[in-house]
Amino acid sequence: VQLQASGGGSVQPGGSLALSCEASGFVLNHWALGWIRQAPGKEREGVACVSSHDGSTHYADSVKGRFTISKDYAKNTIDLQMNSLKPEDTAVYYCARDILIDCSTWFSGDEDAFSDWGRGTQVTVSS
């Protein structure tokens, strides 16, 4: 299983960044996929998830209306468009695979909900 994230960087508050994850080594439509993040001194948290059960998308309350997740089966990628970024969005972002086909545990705060995640990409939001 490989989950290679890219697209991080530094941006001012209110700016935008797009992250992309190339997934390989497994069948994408058998598990929920998405993004998690870890800020300094904090636990990893679910940010956005796309269900392989019904294609629905789900977001943490803190990013709803600002972030958009999408999955491209042809390219085997999971993308995250992040708009209106805030300093509290600063974190290392990881592309991850759930242990389930849906997103029911993605935001539970339990790291055991994620079976795999790749090397992260740093996102820094600062003026």
Protein backbone atom coordinates (compact mmCIF):
# COMPACT_ATOMS: atom_id res chain seq x y z
CA VAL A 1 0.00 0.00 0.00
CA GLN A 2 1.35 3.39 -0.99
CA LEU A 3 -0.24 6.77 -0.30
CA GLN A 4 1.95 9.59 -1.59
CA ALA A 5 0.81 13.08 -0.68
CA SER A 6 1.98 16.26 -2.34
CA GLY A 7 1.06 19.92 -2.64
CA GLY A 8 1.73 21.34 0.78
CA GLY A 9 3.40 24.68 1.38
CA SER A 10 3.11 28.04 3.06
CA VAL A 11 0.27 30.47 2.52
CA GLN A 12 -1.17 33.56 4.15
CA PRO A 13 -4.48 33.42 6.00
CA GLY A 14 -7.34 33.42 3.54
CA GLY A 15 -5.26 31.73 0.88
CA SER A 16 -5.70 28.39 -0.85
CA LEU A 17 -3.73 25.20 -1.35
CA ALA A 18 -4.46 21.98 -3.16
CA LEU A 19 -3.20 18.63 -1.91
CA SER A 20 -3.07 15.48 -3.97
CA CYS A 21 -2.53 11.86 -3.00
CA GLU A 22 -1.54 9.11 -5.38
CA ALA A 23 -2.73 5.74 -4.10
CA SER A 24 -1.43 2.38 -5.24
CA GLY A 25 -1.19 -1.21 -4.14
CA PHE A 26 -4.85 -1.72 -3.34
CA VAL A 27 -8.31 -1.35 -4.83
CA LEU A 28 -9.49 2.16 -4.05
CA ASN A 29 -13.20 1.40 -3.94
CA HIS A 30 -12.91 -1.14 -1.11
CA TRP A 31 -12.11 1.36 1.65
CA ALA A 32 -12.96 4.88 2.69
CA LEU A 33 -10.13 7.27 1.86
CA GLY A 34 -9.28 10.79 2.80
CA TRP A 35 -7.09 13.18 4.70
CA ILE A 36 -6.02 13.45 8.29
CA ARG A 37 -3.74 16.03 9.90
CA GLN A 38 -1.54 16.44 12.93
CA ALA A 39 -0.70 19.81 14.39
CA PRO A 40 2.27 20.26 16.73
CA GLY A 41 1.48 18.84 20.14
CA LYS A 42 -1.88 17.44 19.05
CA GLU A 43 -3.29 14.06 18.09
CA ARG A 44 -3.98 13.13 14.51
CA GLU A 45 -7.49 14.14 13.47
CA GLY A 46 -9.75 13.35 10.56
CA VAL A 47 -10.16 16.24 8.13
CA ALA A 48 -12.11 14.91 5.16
CA CYS A 49 -13.27 11.52 3.97
CA VAL A 50 -14.90 10.03 0.90
CA SER A 51 -16.91 6.86 1.34
CA SER A 52 -16.44 3.98 -1.06
CA HIS A 53 -19.82 2.64 0.03
CA ASP A 54 -21.87 5.42 -1.57
CA GLY A 55 -19.41 8.11 -2.68
CA SER A 56 -20.53 10.56 -0.01
CA THR A 57 -18.07 13.09 1.36
CA HIS A 58 -17.66 14.06 4.99
CA TYR A 59 -15.76 16.83 6.73
CA ALA A 60 -14.62 17.86 10.17
CA ASP A 61 -16.74 20.74 11.47
CA SER A 62 -13.66 22.96 11.51
CA VAL A 63 -13.20 22.71 7.72
CA LYS A 64 -16.77 22.45 6.43
CA GLY A 65 -17.46 24.96 3.68
CA ARG A 66 -13.75 25.59 3.13
CA PHE A 67 -12.29 22.23 2.11
CA THR A 68 -13.40 19.94 -0.71
CA ILE A 69 -12.33 16.33 -1.13
CA SER A 70 -12.54 14.44 -4.40
CA LYS A 71 -11.52 11.03 -5.65
CA ASP A 72 -10.48 10.21 -9.21
CA TYR A 73 -10.69 6.50 -9.94
CA ALA A 74 -9.02 6.88 -13.34
CA LYS A 75 -5.96 8.55 -11.84
CA ASN A 76 -6.08 6.73 -8.47
CA THR A 77 -5.85 10.06 -6.66
CA ILE A 78 -7.55 11.63 -3.69
CA ASP A 79 -7.41 15.42 -3.79
CA LEU A 80 -8.12 18.06 -1.16
CA GLN A 81 -8.84 21.63 -2.17
CA MET A 82 -8.35 23.95 0.81
CA ASN A 83 -9.72 27.48 0.63
CA SER A 84 -9.97 30.30 3.17
CA LEU A 85 -7.12 28.80 5.12
CA LYS A 86 -6.66 29.77 8.76
CA PRO A 87 -3.59 29.64 11.01
CA GLU A 88 -5.23 26.78 12.93
CA ASP A 89 -5.12 24.70 9.73
CA THR A 90 -1.34 24.55 10.10
CA ALA A 91 -0.38 20.88 10.38
CA VAL A 92 1.18 17.95 8.62
CA TYR A 93 -1.46 16.50 6.32
CA TYR A 94 -1.58 12.79 5.57
CA CYS A 95 -3.49 10.82 3.00
CA ALA A 96 -5.02 7.81 4.71
CA ARG A 97 -7.04 4.66 4.24
CA ASP A 98 -9.78 3.64 6.68
CA ILE A 99 -10.33 0.14 8.02
CA LEU A 100 -13.93 0.38 6.78
CA ILE A 101 -15.62 1.09 3.44
CA ASP A 102 -17.50 4.09 4.85
CA CYS A 103 -16.50 7.14 6.89
CA SER A 104 -18.30 6.19 10.10
CA THR A 105 -15.11 6.13 12.19
CA TRP A 106 -13.04 8.72 10.32
CA PHE A 107 -13.69 11.50 12.84
CA SER A 108 -13.80 9.35 15.97
CA GLY A 109 -10.38 10.49 17.20
CA ASP A 110 -9.21 6.88 17.27
CA GLU A 111 -6.03 6.36 15.25
CA ASP A 112 -6.91 2.67 14.98
CA ALA A 113 -9.62 3.74 12.52
CA PHE A 114 -6.90 4.26 9.91
CA SER A 115 -5.18 1.21 8.47
CA ASP A 116 -2.56 3.06 6.46
CA TRP A 117 -1.25 6.55 5.88
CA GLY A 118 1.61 7.84 3.82
CA ARG A 119 4.33 10.38 4.37
CA GLY A 120 2.73 13.69 5.21
CA THR A 121 3.00 17.09 3.61
CA GLN A 122 3.41 20.27 5.64
CA VAL A 123 0.80 23.01 5.40
CA THR A 124 1.67 26.30 7.10
CA VAL A 125 -0.77 29.20 7.29
CA SER A 126 0.85 32.33 8.61
CA SER A 127 1.01 36.03 7.95
